[in-house]
Amino acid sequence: MRSKENANDYRYFPDPDLLPIRTDAQTLARIAASIPPLPDTRRRKYMDQFGLSPYHSERLALNRALSDFFEQAAEFTAYKQILASFLLSEVSRLMNGEEESEIAAKPAQLATLADMLGTGRINGGGAKKLIGALWGTEADPADLVSQLGLAQVNDRDTLFGLARRAVQESPDMVADYRSGKQAALKAIMGWAMAAAKGKANPELLQECLLNELGH
């Protein structure tokens, strides 16, 4: 094929040699710094530096929008695992699972939400209502918790009273539980949570219920 290069009708035009590209170390460093980290680098960072589970680290690293948002919000909260879990569940749901969708909340807002979940000021149900209320607003999450009555009930006396009512109002379910049907405990818990409008601390409420049931 190379013999055709000298043929009159071949129209061969030799390409010139590419000139060497000369740059300095500072420019190379600036270019390198502008390149976003690869997913595997992020995944290892989330496990090693932030203490996230392998599952949450992997899922975050594969979603650039959530990953960038997480790193900004993580600066404001010690509850990084809670933050990651909430981003991958409720925030992802509000984004309709589309990576390019806008996250209509501020990193500091989600960090505050994670703090309130981590310290027990709100429970999971309250957090879902809270993210819906603050989505697309500049509202302070703490103010919304007060305005919407989302604060979790942690007072043991209140929860013991609620557990006592649940046992008194659910004799059939109590009998089922005492006969060995563990599923009945969930039903009694459901009654108590409904009576508390979903605001009871579920761990403490179950502890109070078990106490009332004789455990």
N, C-alpha and C. Protein backbone atom coordinates (compact mmCIF):
# COMPACT_ATOMS: atom_id res chain seq x y z
N MET A 1 0.83 -1.20 0.00
CA MET A 1 0.00 0.00 0.00
C MET A 1 0.87 1.26 0.00
N ARG A 2 2.02 1.21 0.66
CA ARG A 2 2.85 2.39 0.74
C ARG A 2 3.44 2.77 -0.61
N SER A 3 3.49 1.82 -1.57
CA SER A 3 4.04 2.13 -2.90
C SER A 3 3.19 3.13 -3.65
N LYS A 4 1.95 3.32 -3.24
CA LYS A 4 1.07 4.27 -3.92
C LYS A 4 1.41 5.73 -3.60
N GLU A 5 2.25 5.94 -2.60
CA GLU A 5 2.51 7.30 -2.18
C GLU A 5 3.10 8.16 -3.30
N ASN A 6 3.83 7.52 -4.22
CA ASN A 6 4.47 8.28 -5.31
C ASN A 6 3.61 8.35 -6.57
N ALA A 7 2.46 7.71 -6.56
CA ALA A 7 1.59 7.74 -7.75
C ALA A 7 1.00 9.14 -7.92
N ASN A 8 0.90 9.59 -9.17
CA ASN A 8 0.46 10.97 -9.44
C ASN A 8 -0.96 11.24 -8.95
N ASP A 9 -1.82 10.23 -9.04
CA ASP A 9 -3.22 10.46 -8.68
C ASP A 9 -3.56 10.01 -7.26
N TYR A 10 -2.57 9.70 -6.46
CA TYR A 10 -2.86 9.19 -5.11
C TYR A 10 -3.18 10.31 -4.13
N ARG A 11 -2.69 11.51 -4.38
CA ARG A 11 -2.94 12.68 -3.52
C ARG A 11 -2.55 12.42 -2.07
N TYR A 12 -1.38 11.92 -1.89
CA TYR A 12 -0.89 11.62 -0.54
C TYR A 12 -0.25 12.87 0.05
N PHE A 13 -0.69 13.23 1.24
CA PHE A 13 -0.11 14.38 1.94
C PHE A 13 0.47 13.89 3.26
N PRO A 14 1.75 13.90 3.40
CA PRO A 14 2.35 13.44 4.66
C PRO A 14 1.99 14.39 5.80
N ASP A 15 1.63 13.82 6.96
CA ASP A 15 1.33 14.64 8.14
C ASP A 15 2.63 15.12 8.77
N PRO A 16 2.65 16.36 9.20
CA PRO A 16 3.86 16.82 9.89
C PRO A 16 3.95 16.19 11.28
N ASP A 17 5.14 16.11 11.79
CA ASP A 17 5.31 15.60 13.15
C ASP A 17 4.67 16.56 14.14
N LEU A 18 4.02 15.99 15.17
CA LEU A 18 3.44 16.83 16.22
C LEU A 18 4.55 17.46 17.04
N LEU A 19 4.37 18.72 17.32
CA LEU A 19 5.37 19.42 18.13
C LEU A 19 5.25 18.99 19.59
N PRO A 20 6.34 18.93 20.30
CA PRO A 20 6.27 18.56 21.72
C PRO A 20 5.52 19.62 22.51
N ILE A 21 4.74 19.17 23.49
CA ILE A 21 4.00 20.08 24.36
C ILE A 21 4.81 20.27 25.64
N ARG A 22 5.20 21.49 25.88
CA ARG A 22 6.00 21.79 27.06
C ARG A 22 5.13 22.51 28.10
N THR A 23 5.17 22.03 29.31
CA THR A 23 4.41 22.66 30.39
C THR A 23 5.21 22.57 31.67
N ASP A 24 4.81 23.30 32.66
CA ASP A 24 5.54 23.30 33.92
C ASP A 24 4.79 22.49 34.98
N ALA A 25 5.47 22.22 36.06
CA ALA A 25 4.89 21.39 37.12
C ALA A 25 3.66 22.03 37.74
N GLN A 26 3.65 23.36 37.84
CA GLN A 26 2.51 24.05 38.43
C GLN A 26 1.25 23.86 37.60
N THR A 27 1.41 23.96 36.27
CA THR A 27 0.26 23.76 35.38
C THR A 27 -0.26 22.34 35.46
N LEU A 28 0.67 21.38 35.48
CA LEU A 28 0.27 19.97 35.59
C LEU A 28 -0.48 19.72 36.90
N ALA A 29 0.00 20.34 37.98
CA ALA A 29 -0.66 20.15 39.28
C ALA A 29 -2.06 20.76 39.26
N ARG A 30 -2.20 21.92 38.60
CA ARG A 30 -3.51 22.57 38.52
C ARG A 30 -4.48 21.72 37.71
N ILE A 31 -4.01 21.14 36.62
CA ILE A 31 -4.86 20.28 35.79
C ILE A 31 -5.28 19.04 36.58
N ALA A 32 -4.31 18.45 37.28
CA ALA A 32 -4.60 17.24 38.06
C ALA A 32 -5.63 17.53 39.15
N ALA A 33 -5.52 18.72 39.77
CA ALA A 33 -6.45 19.08 40.85
C ALA A 33 -7.86 19.31 40.33
N SER A 34 -7.98 19.67 39.05
CA SER A 34 -9.30 19.94 38.48
C SER A 34 -10.05 18.68 38.06
N ILE A 35 -9.34 17.56 38.03
CA ILE A 35 -9.96 16.29 37.63
C ILE A 35 -10.68 15.69 38.83
N PRO A 36 -11.98 15.42 38.74
CA PRO A 36 -12.70 14.85 39.90
C PRO A 36 -12.18 13.46 40.24
N PRO A 37 -12.21 13.09 41.52
CA PRO A 37 -11.75 11.76 41.91
C PRO A 37 -12.59 10.66 41.28
N LEU A 38 -11.95 9.56 40.98
CA LEU A 38 -12.66 8.42 40.41
C LEU A 38 -13.53 7.76 41.48
N PRO A 39 -14.58 7.05 41.06
CA PRO A 39 -15.47 6.41 42.04
C PRO A 39 -14.75 5.52 43.05
N ASP A 40 -13.76 4.78 42.61
CA ASP A 40 -13.07 3.89 43.55
C ASP A 40 -12.31 4.68 44.61
N THR A 41 -11.75 5.82 44.20
CA THR A 41 -11.06 6.68 45.17
C THR A 41 -12.05 7.22 46.20
N ARG A 42 -13.21 7.65 45.73
CA ARG A 42 -14.24 8.14 46.65
C ARG A 42 -14.71 7.03 47.58
N ARG A 43 -14.94 5.87 47.03
CA ARG A 43 -15.44 4.74 47.84
C ARG A 43 -14.48 4.45 49.00
N ARG A 44 -13.19 4.38 48.71
CA ARG A 44 -12.21 4.09 49.76
C ARG A 44 -12.14 5.23 50.77
N LYS A 45 -12.26 6.46 50.29
CA LYS A 45 -12.25 7.62 51.19
C LYS A 45 -13.43 7.57 52.16
N TYR A 46 -14.61 7.23 51.65
CA TYR A 46 -15.80 7.21 52.50
C TYR A 46 -15.70 6.14 53.58
N MET A 47 -15.10 5.02 53.25
CA MET A 47 -14.94 3.97 54.25
C MET A 47 -13.84 4.32 55.25
N ASP A 48 -12.68 4.77 54.73
CA ASP A 48 -11.52 4.99 55.58
C ASP A 48 -11.61 6.26 56.42
N GLN A 49 -12.07 7.36 55.81
CA GLN A 49 -12.09 8.65 56.51
C GLN A 49 -13.41 8.94 57.22
N PHE A 50 -14.52 8.51 56.61
CA PHE A 50 -15.83 8.84 57.16
C PHE A 50 -16.50 7.68 57.88
N GLY A 51 -15.94 6.49 57.78
CA GLY A 51 -16.51 5.34 58.49
C GLY A 51 -17.81 4.82 57.94
N LEU A 52 -18.08 5.07 56.64
CA LEU A 52 -19.31 4.57 56.04
C LEU A 52 -19.20 3.08 55.76
N SER A 53 -20.35 2.42 55.68
CA SER A 53 -20.38 1.01 55.33
C SER A 53 -19.95 0.83 53.87
N PRO A 54 -19.43 -0.35 53.51
CA PRO A 54 -19.07 -0.58 52.10
C PRO A 54 -20.25 -0.36 51.16
N TYR A 55 -21.45 -0.76 51.58
CA TYR A 55 -22.64 -0.61 50.73
C TYR A 55 -22.92 0.86 50.44
N HIS A 56 -22.97 1.68 51.49
CA HIS A 56 -23.27 3.10 51.30
C HIS A 56 -22.13 3.81 50.56
N SER A 57 -20.90 3.41 50.84
CA SER A 57 -19.75 4.01 50.15
C SER A 57 -19.82 3.75 48.65
N GLU A 58 -20.14 2.53 48.29
CA GLU A 58 -20.22 2.16 46.88
C GLU A 58 -21.33 2.94 46.17
N ARG A 59 -22.50 2.98 46.77
CA ARG A 59 -23.63 3.66 46.13
C ARG A 59 -23.40 5.16 46.01
N LEU A 60 -22.83 5.77 47.02
CA LEU A 60 -22.54 7.20 46.95
C LEU A 60 -21.51 7.50 45.87
N ALA A 61 -20.46 6.69 45.83
CA ALA A 61 -19.37 6.95 44.90
C ALA A 61 -19.82 6.87 43.45
N LEU A 62 -20.86 6.11 43.18
CA LEU A 62 -21.34 5.94 41.81
C LEU A 62 -22.33 7.01 41.38
N ASN A 63 -22.71 7.90 42.31
CA ASN A 63 -23.64 8.98 41.98
C ASN A 63 -22.94 10.30 42.24
N ARG A 64 -22.49 10.95 41.18
CA ARG A 64 -21.66 12.15 41.32
C ARG A 64 -22.39 13.26 42.08
N ALA A 65 -23.66 13.49 41.78
CA ALA A 65 -24.40 14.58 42.43
C ALA A 65 -24.52 14.34 43.93
N LEU A 66 -24.94 13.13 44.32
CA LEU A 66 -25.07 12.82 45.74
C LEU A 66 -23.71 12.79 46.43
N SER A 67 -22.71 12.31 45.72
CA SER A 67 -21.36 12.22 46.29
C SER A 67 -20.81 13.61 46.60
N ASP A 68 -20.93 14.53 45.66
CA ASP A 68 -20.46 15.90 45.89
C ASP A 68 -21.23 16.56 47.03
N PHE A 69 -22.54 16.35 47.05
CA PHE A 69 -23.38 16.94 48.10
C PHE A 69 -23.00 16.36 49.46
N PHE A 70 -22.79 15.06 49.52
CA PHE A 70 -22.43 14.41 50.78
C PHE A 70 -21.15 15.01 51.35
N GLU A 71 -20.15 15.20 50.50
CA GLU A 71 -18.87 15.71 50.99
C GLU A 71 -19.01 17.12 51.55
N GLN A 72 -19.89 17.92 50.96
CA GLN A 72 -20.12 19.27 51.49
C GLN A 72 -20.87 19.21 52.82
N ALA A 73 -21.92 18.39 52.88
CA ALA A 73 -22.73 18.30 54.10
C ALA A 73 -21.97 17.63 55.25
N ALA A 74 -21.09 16.69 54.92
CA ALA A 74 -20.36 15.94 55.95
C ALA A 74 -19.46 16.84 56.79
N GLU A 75 -19.13 18.02 56.27
CA GLU A 75 -18.30 18.95 57.04
C GLU A 75 -19.04 19.51 58.25
N PHE A 76 -20.37 19.42 58.23
CA PHE A 76 -21.18 20.06 59.27
C PHE A 76 -21.80 19.09 60.27
N THR A 77 -21.58 17.79 60.12
CA THR A 77 -22.21 16.83 61.03
C THR A 77 -21.27 15.69 61.38
N ALA A 78 -21.43 15.19 62.61
CA ALA A 78 -20.67 14.01 63.03
C ALA A 78 -21.39 12.73 62.64
N TYR A 79 -22.66 12.85 62.24
CA TYR A 79 -23.47 11.66 61.93
C TYR A 79 -23.42 11.39 60.42
N LYS A 80 -22.25 11.03 59.95
CA LYS A 80 -22.03 10.88 58.51
C LYS A 80 -22.73 9.65 57.93
N GLN A 81 -22.80 8.56 58.71
CA GLN A 81 -23.50 7.37 58.23
C GLN A 81 -24.99 7.63 58.09
N ILE A 82 -25.57 8.34 59.05
CA ILE A 82 -26.99 8.71 58.97
C ILE A 82 -27.22 9.61 57.77
N LEU A 83 -26.33 10.57 57.56
CA LEU A 83 -26.42 11.48 56.42
C LEU A 83 -26.40 10.71 55.11
N ALA A 84 -25.45 9.79 54.97
CA ALA A 84 -25.33 9.01 53.73
C ALA A 84 -26.57 8.17 53.49
N SER A 85 -27.06 7.52 54.53
CA SER A 85 -28.25 6.68 54.39
C SER A 85 -29.45 7.50 53.97
N PHE A 86 -29.61 8.68 54.55
CA PHE A 86 -30.76 9.53 54.22
C PHE A 86 -30.65 10.07 52.80
N LEU A 87 -29.46 10.43 52.38
CA LEU A 87 -29.27 10.91 51.01
C LEU A 87 -29.64 9.83 49.99
N LEU A 88 -29.24 8.61 50.27
CA LEU A 88 -29.47 7.52 49.33
C LEU A 88 -30.90 7.01 49.34
N SER A 89 -31.65 7.36 50.38
CA SER A 89 -33.05 6.92 50.43
C SER A 89 -33.99 8.07 50.10
N GLU A 90 -34.22 8.95 51.06
CA GLU A 90 -35.24 9.99 50.88
C GLU A 90 -34.85 11.06 49.86
N VAL A 91 -33.59 11.52 49.89
CA VAL A 91 -33.18 12.55 48.93
C VAL A 91 -33.18 11.99 47.52
N SER A 92 -32.69 10.76 47.36
CA SER A 92 -32.71 10.13 46.05
C SER A 92 -34.14 9.96 45.54
N ARG A 93 -35.06 9.65 46.45
CA ARG A 93 -36.47 9.51 46.06
C ARG A 93 -37.02 10.84 45.56
N LEU A 94 -36.69 11.93 46.25
CA LEU A 94 -37.17 13.24 45.83
C LEU A 94 -36.55 13.68 44.51
N MET A 95 -35.39 13.14 44.21
CA MET A 95 -34.74 13.42 42.92
C MET A 95 -35.26 12.50 41.83
N ASN A 96 -36.20 11.62 42.18
CA ASN A 96 -36.75 10.63 41.24
C ASN A 96 -35.69 9.69 40.71
N GLY A 97 -34.62 9.48 41.49
CA GLY A 97 -33.58 8.55 41.10
C GLY A 97 -32.72 9.01 39.94
N GLU A 98 -32.88 10.26 39.51
CA GLU A 98 -32.12 10.76 38.37
C GLU A 98 -30.89 11.51 38.87
N GLU A 99 -29.71 11.07 38.43
CA GLU A 99 -28.46 11.63 38.93
C GLU A 99 -28.32 13.11 38.62
N GLU A 100 -28.85 13.54 37.49
CA GLU A 100 -28.67 14.93 37.08
C GLU A 100 -29.72 15.87 37.69
N SER A 101 -30.69 15.33 38.42
CA SER A 101 -31.70 16.19 39.03
C SER A 101 -31.07 17.07 40.10
N GLU A 102 -31.67 18.22 40.31
CA GLU A 102 -31.15 19.15 41.30
C GLU A 102 -31.53 18.71 42.71
N ILE A 103 -30.58 18.84 43.62
CA ILE A 103 -30.86 18.59 45.03
C ILE A 103 -31.35 19.91 45.61
N ALA A 104 -32.65 20.01 45.84
CA ALA A 104 -33.26 21.28 46.25
C ALA A 104 -33.18 21.49 47.76
N ALA A 105 -31.99 21.31 48.30
CA ALA A 105 -31.74 21.55 49.72
C ALA A 105 -30.27 21.94 49.86
N LYS A 106 -29.95 22.60 50.95
CA LYS A 106 -28.58 23.03 51.20
C LYS A 106 -27.85 21.95 52.01
N PRO A 107 -26.53 21.80 51.79
CA PRO A 107 -25.78 20.83 52.59
C PRO A 107 -25.95 21.04 54.09
N ALA A 108 -25.95 22.30 54.54
CA ALA A 108 -26.10 22.57 55.97
C ALA A 108 -27.47 22.13 56.49
N GLN A 109 -28.51 22.23 55.65
CA GLN A 109 -29.84 21.78 56.07
C GLN A 109 -29.85 20.27 56.31
N LEU A 110 -29.26 19.53 55.39
CA LEU A 110 -29.24 18.07 55.54
C LEU A 110 -28.34 17.64 56.69
N ALA A 111 -27.28 18.40 56.93
CA ALA A 111 -26.41 18.10 58.07
C ALA A 111 -27.17 18.28 59.38
N THR A 112 -27.97 19.33 59.47
CA THR A 112 -28.78 19.56 60.67
C THR A 112 -29.80 18.45 60.85
N LEU A 113 -30.42 18.02 59.75
CA LEU A 113 -31.37 16.91 59.81
C LEU A 113 -30.69 15.65 60.34
N ALA A 114 -29.48 15.37 59.84
CA ALA A 114 -28.74 14.19 60.31
C ALA A 114 -28.42 14.30 61.79
N ASP A 115 -28.06 15.51 62.24
CA ASP A 115 -27.80 15.72 63.67
C ASP A 115 -29.03 15.42 64.51
N MET A 116 -30.19 15.89 64.06
CA MET A 116 -31.41 15.70 64.83
C MET A 116 -31.83 14.23 64.86
N LEU A 117 -31.58 13.52 63.77
CA LEU A 117 -31.83 12.08 63.78
C LEU A 117 -30.86 11.37 64.72
N GLY A 118 -29.60 11.76 64.64
CA GLY A 118 -28.57 11.10 65.44
C GLY A 118 -28.73 11.32 66.93
N THR A 119 -29.21 12.50 67.30
CA THR A 119 -29.38 12.82 68.73
C THR A 119 -30.75 12.44 69.26
N GLY A 120 -31.64 11.97 68.38
CA GLY A 120 -32.96 11.54 68.83
C GLY A 120 -33.99 12.64 68.93
N ARG A 121 -33.69 13.82 68.40
CA ARG A 121 -34.70 14.88 68.46
C ARG A 121 -35.88 14.56 67.56
N ILE A 122 -35.62 13.89 66.43
CA ILE A 122 -36.69 13.41 65.55
C ILE A 122 -36.45 11.95 65.25
N ASN A 123 -37.49 11.24 64.82
CA ASN A 123 -37.32 9.86 64.40
C ASN A 123 -37.39 9.77 62.88
N GLY A 124 -37.34 8.55 62.36
CA GLY A 124 -37.32 8.39 60.91
C GLY A 124 -38.54 8.96 60.22
N GLY A 125 -39.71 8.76 60.82
CA GLY A 125 -40.93 9.31 60.23
C GLY A 125 -40.92 10.83 60.21
N GLY A 126 -40.43 11.42 61.30
CA GLY A 126 -40.34 12.87 61.35
C GLY A 126 -39.35 13.41 60.34
N ALA A 127 -38.26 12.67 60.13
CA ALA A 127 -37.24 13.10 59.16
C ALA A 127 -37.80 13.12 57.74
N LYS A 128 -38.64 12.14 57.42
CA LYS A 128 -39.25 12.10 56.08
C LYS A 128 -40.17 13.31 55.87
N LYS A 129 -40.94 13.65 56.90
CA LYS A 129 -41.81 14.82 56.79
C LYS A 129 -40.99 16.10 56.71
N LEU A 130 -39.89 16.13 57.45
CA LEU A 130 -39.05 17.33 57.49
C LEU A 130 -38.40 17.60 56.15
N ILE A 131 -37.86 16.57 55.49
CA ILE A 131 -37.19 16.80 54.21
C ILE A 131 -38.20 17.28 53.17
N GLY A 132 -39.42 16.78 53.25
CA GLY A 132 -40.45 17.24 52.32
C GLY A 132 -40.80 18.69 52.54
N ALA A 133 -40.78 19.12 53.82
CA ALA A 133 -41.14 20.50 54.14
C ALA A 133 -40.05 21.49 53.78
N LEU A 134 -38.79 21.08 53.91
CA LEU A 134 -37.70 22.03 53.64
C LEU A 134 -37.21 21.99 52.19
N TRP A 135 -37.66 20.98 51.42
CA TRP A 135 -37.22 20.83 50.03
C TRP A 135 -37.56 22.08 49.22
N GLY A 136 -36.56 22.68 48.63
CA GLY A 136 -36.76 23.86 47.80
C GLY A 136 -36.92 25.14 48.57
N THR A 137 -36.61 25.14 49.87
CA THR A 137 -36.74 26.34 50.69
C THR A 137 -35.40 26.66 51.37
N GLU A 138 -35.35 27.81 52.00
CA GLU A 138 -34.17 28.21 52.78
C GLU A 138 -34.44 28.01 54.27
N ALA A 139 -35.50 27.30 54.61
CA ALA A 139 -35.94 27.19 56.00
C ALA A 139 -34.90 26.51 56.88
N ASP A 140 -34.90 26.90 58.14
CA ASP A 140 -34.06 26.27 59.16
C ASP A 140 -34.78 24.99 59.61
N PRO A 141 -34.13 23.82 59.46
CA PRO A 141 -34.79 22.57 59.86
C PRO A 141 -35.26 22.57 61.31
N ALA A 142 -34.48 23.17 62.20
CA ALA A 142 -34.88 23.20 63.61
C ALA A 142 -36.17 23.98 63.81
N ASP A 143 -36.31 25.08 63.08
CA ASP A 143 -37.56 25.85 63.17
C ASP A 143 -38.74 25.05 62.64
N LEU A 144 -38.53 24.32 61.55
CA LEU A 144 -39.62 23.52 60.97
C LEU A 144 -40.06 22.42 61.92
N VAL A 145 -39.11 21.82 62.63
CA VAL A 145 -39.46 20.77 63.60
C VAL A 145 -40.42 21.33 64.64
N SER A 146 -40.15 22.53 65.12
CA SER A 146 -41.03 23.16 66.12
C SER A 146 -42.37 23.55 65.51
N GLN A 147 -42.33 24.15 64.32
CA GLN A 147 -43.56 24.61 63.68
C GLN A 147 -44.50 23.46 63.33
N LEU A 148 -43.93 22.34 62.88
CA LEU A 148 -44.74 21.21 62.42
C LEU A 148 -44.99 20.17 63.51
N GLY A 149 -44.43 20.39 64.69
CA GLY A 149 -44.64 19.43 65.78
C GLY A 149 -44.03 18.07 65.50
N LEU A 150 -42.80 18.06 64.98
CA LEU A 150 -42.16 16.80 64.59
C LEU A 150 -41.22 16.25 65.64
N ALA A 151 -41.06 16.96 66.76
CA ALA A 151 -40.11 16.51 67.77
C ALA A 151 -40.50 15.13 68.30
N GLN A 152 -39.50 14.28 68.46
CA GLN A 152 -39.74 12.92 68.95
C GLN A 152 -40.03 12.93 70.45
N VAL A 153 -40.94 12.05 70.86
CA VAL A 153 -41.26 11.91 72.29
C VAL A 153 -40.27 10.95 72.91
N ASN A 154 -39.42 11.47 73.82
CA ASN A 154 -38.40 10.65 74.47
C ASN A 154 -38.63 10.50 75.97
N ASP A 155 -39.63 11.19 76.49
CA ASP A 155 -39.90 11.16 77.92
C ASP A 155 -40.42 9.78 78.33
N ARG A 156 -39.71 9.14 79.26
CA ARG A 156 -40.06 7.77 79.64
C ARG A 156 -41.43 7.68 80.32
N ASP A 157 -41.76 8.65 81.14
CA ASP A 157 -43.07 8.60 81.81
C ASP A 157 -44.20 8.65 80.77
N THR A 158 -44.03 9.52 79.78
CA THR A 158 -45.04 9.62 78.72
C THR A 158 -45.13 8.31 77.94
N LEU A 159 -43.97 7.73 77.65
CA LEU A 159 -43.96 6.49 76.87
C LEU A 159 -44.50 5.31 77.68
N PHE A 160 -44.22 5.27 78.98
CA PHE A 160 -44.79 4.21 79.82
C PHE A 160 -46.31 4.33 79.86
N GLY A 161 -46.82 5.56 79.94
CA GLY A 161 -48.26 5.75 79.91
C GLY A 161 -48.86 5.30 78.59
N LEU A 162 -48.16 5.56 77.51
CA LEU A 162 -48.62 5.14 76.20
C LEU A 162 -48.60 3.62 76.07
N ALA A 163 -47.55 3.00 76.60
CA ALA A 163 -47.45 1.54 76.56
C ALA A 163 -48.57 0.90 77.38
N ARG A 164 -48.86 1.49 78.52
CA ARG A 164 -49.92 0.95 79.38
C ARG A 164 -51.28 1.02 78.67
N ARG A 165 -51.52 2.14 78.00
CA ARG A 165 -52.77 2.28 77.23
C ARG A 165 -52.84 1.25 76.11
N ALA A 166 -51.72 1.04 75.43
CA ALA A 166 -51.69 0.09 74.31
C ALA A 166 -52.03 -1.31 74.79
N VAL A 167 -51.50 -1.69 75.95
CA VAL A 167 -51.76 -3.02 76.50
C VAL A 167 -53.23 -3.13 76.92
N GLN A 168 -53.75 -2.09 77.53
CA GLN A 168 -55.15 -2.11 77.98
C GLN A 168 -56.13 -2.14 76.81
N GLU A 169 -55.79 -1.44 75.73
CA GLU A 169 -56.70 -1.32 74.60
C GLU A 169 -56.57 -2.46 73.59
N SER A 170 -55.60 -3.35 73.79
CA SER A 170 -55.35 -4.42 72.80
C SER A 170 -55.31 -5.79 73.48
N PRO A 171 -56.37 -6.19 74.18
CA PRO A 171 -56.33 -7.46 74.93
C PRO A 171 -56.11 -8.67 74.04
N ASP A 172 -56.71 -8.68 72.86
CA ASP A 172 -56.53 -9.84 71.98
C ASP A 172 -55.09 -9.97 71.50
N MET A 173 -54.49 -8.84 71.13
CA MET A 173 -53.10 -8.87 70.67
C MET A 173 -52.15 -9.23 71.81
N VAL A 174 -52.47 -8.76 73.01
CA VAL A 174 -51.66 -9.10 74.18
C VAL A 174 -51.73 -10.59 74.45
N ALA A 175 -52.93 -11.16 74.34
CA ALA A 175 -53.10 -12.61 74.55
C ALA A 175 -52.31 -13.39 73.50
N ASP A 176 -52.35 -12.92 72.25
CA ASP A 176 -51.59 -13.58 71.19
C ASP A 176 -50.09 -13.53 71.49
N TYR A 177 -49.62 -12.38 71.94
CA TYR A 177 -48.19 -12.24 72.23
C TYR A 177 -47.78 -13.17 73.36
N ARG A 178 -48.59 -13.22 74.39
CA ARG A 178 -48.25 -14.06 75.54
C ARG A 178 -48.36 -15.55 75.23
N SER A 179 -49.07 -15.87 74.15
CA SER A 179 -49.15 -17.28 73.73
C SER A 179 -47.99 -17.64 72.79
N GLY A 180 -47.11 -16.68 72.54
CA GLY A 180 -45.91 -16.98 71.74
C GLY A 180 -45.89 -16.39 70.36
N LYS A 181 -46.90 -15.63 69.99
CA LYS A 181 -46.94 -15.03 68.65
C LYS A 181 -46.20 -13.69 68.67
N GLN A 182 -44.94 -13.71 68.24
CA GLN A 182 -44.10 -12.52 68.30
C GLN A 182 -44.62 -11.39 67.41
N ALA A 183 -45.32 -11.75 66.33
CA ALA A 183 -45.85 -10.72 65.43
C ALA A 183 -46.84 -9.81 66.13
N ALA A 184 -47.44 -10.30 67.21
CA ALA A 184 -48.42 -9.49 67.93
C ALA A 184 -47.77 -8.26 68.56
N LEU A 185 -46.48 -8.38 68.91
CA LEU A 185 -45.78 -7.23 69.50
C LEU A 185 -45.72 -6.08 68.51
N LYS A 186 -45.50 -6.39 67.23
CA LYS A 186 -45.48 -5.36 66.20
C LYS A 186 -46.84 -4.68 66.08
N ALA A 187 -47.89 -5.48 66.22
CA ALA A 187 -49.24 -4.92 66.14
C ALA A 187 -49.51 -3.98 67.31
N ILE A 188 -49.07 -4.36 68.49
CA ILE A 188 -49.25 -3.50 69.67
C ILE A 188 -48.42 -2.22 69.50
N MET A 189 -47.20 -2.39 68.99
CA MET A 189 -46.33 -1.23 68.72
C MET A 189 -47.00 -0.29 67.72
N GLY A 190 -47.62 -0.88 66.71
CA GLY A 190 -48.30 -0.08 65.70
C GLY A 190 -49.42 0.74 66.30
N TRP A 191 -50.17 0.13 67.21
CA TRP A 191 -51.26 0.85 67.88
C TRP A 191 -50.69 2.02 68.68
N ALA A 192 -49.61 1.75 69.43
CA ALA A 192 -49.02 2.78 70.27
C ALA A 192 -48.43 3.92 69.44
N MET A 193 -47.77 3.58 68.34
CA MET A 193 -47.18 4.61 67.48
C MET A 193 -48.27 5.47 66.85
N ALA A 194 -49.37 4.83 66.47
CA ALA A 194 -50.49 5.59 65.90
C ALA A 194 -51.07 6.54 66.94
N ALA A 195 -51.17 6.07 68.18
CA ALA A 195 -51.69 6.92 69.25
C ALA A 195 -50.76 8.10 69.51
N ALA A 196 -49.46 7.89 69.28
CA ALA A 196 -48.48 8.96 69.48
C ALA A 196 -48.28 9.79 68.21
N LYS A 197 -49.11 9.53 67.20
CA LYS A 197 -49.02 10.22 65.91
C LYS A 197 -47.63 10.07 65.27
N GLY A 198 -47.04 8.89 65.51
CA GLY A 198 -45.75 8.57 64.89
C GLY A 198 -44.56 9.25 65.51
N LYS A 199 -44.74 9.94 66.64
CA LYS A 199 -43.65 10.74 67.19
C LYS A 199 -42.92 10.08 68.36
N ALA A 200 -43.33 8.89 68.76
CA ALA A 200 -42.67 8.23 69.88
C ALA A 200 -41.32 7.67 69.46
N ASN A 201 -40.39 7.68 70.40
CA ASN A 201 -39.09 7.04 70.17
C ASN A 201 -39.34 5.54 70.10
N PRO A 202 -39.15 4.91 68.94
CA PRO A 202 -39.54 3.50 68.80
C PRO A 202 -38.77 2.54 69.70
N GLU A 203 -37.48 2.80 69.92
CA GLU A 203 -36.69 1.91 70.77
C GLU A 203 -37.16 2.00 72.22
N LEU A 204 -37.34 3.22 72.70
CA LEU A 204 -37.80 3.39 74.09
C LEU A 204 -39.23 2.90 74.26
N LEU A 205 -40.07 3.11 73.26
CA LEU A 205 -41.45 2.66 73.35
C LEU A 205 -41.51 1.14 73.43
N GLN A 206 -40.71 0.46 72.63
CA GLN A 206 -40.71 -1.00 72.69
C GLN A 206 -40.22 -1.49 74.05
N GLU A 207 -39.22 -0.81 74.58
CA GLU A 207 -38.72 -1.17 75.91
C GLU A 207 -39.82 -1.03 76.96
N CYS A 208 -40.59 0.05 76.87
CA CYS A 208 -41.69 0.26 77.81
C CYS A 208 -42.80 -0.78 77.62
N LEU A 209 -43.07 -1.12 76.37
CA LEU A 209 -44.09 -2.14 76.09
C LEU A 209 -43.69 -3.49 76.67
N LEU A 210 -42.44 -3.87 76.46
CA LEU A 210 -41.97 -5.16 76.98
C LEU A 210 -42.05 -5.18 78.50
N ASN A 211 -41.79 -4.04 79.11
CA ASN A 211 -41.90 -3.95 80.56
C ASN A 211 -43.34 -4.15 81.01
N GLU A 212 -44.27 -3.53 80.29
CA GLU A 212 -45.69 -3.67 80.61
C GLU A 212 -46.18 -5.10 80.37
N LEU A 213 -45.58 -5.77 79.41
CA LEU A 213 -45.99 -7.14 79.08
C LEU A 213 -45.33 -8.18 79.98
N GLY A 214 -44.50 -7.70 80.91
CA GLY A 214 -43.91 -8.62 81.88
C GLY A 214 -42.55 -9.14 81.53
N HIS A 215 -41.81 -8.45 80.68
CA HIS A 215 -40.46 -8.89 80.32
C HIS A 215 -39.42 -8.05 81.04
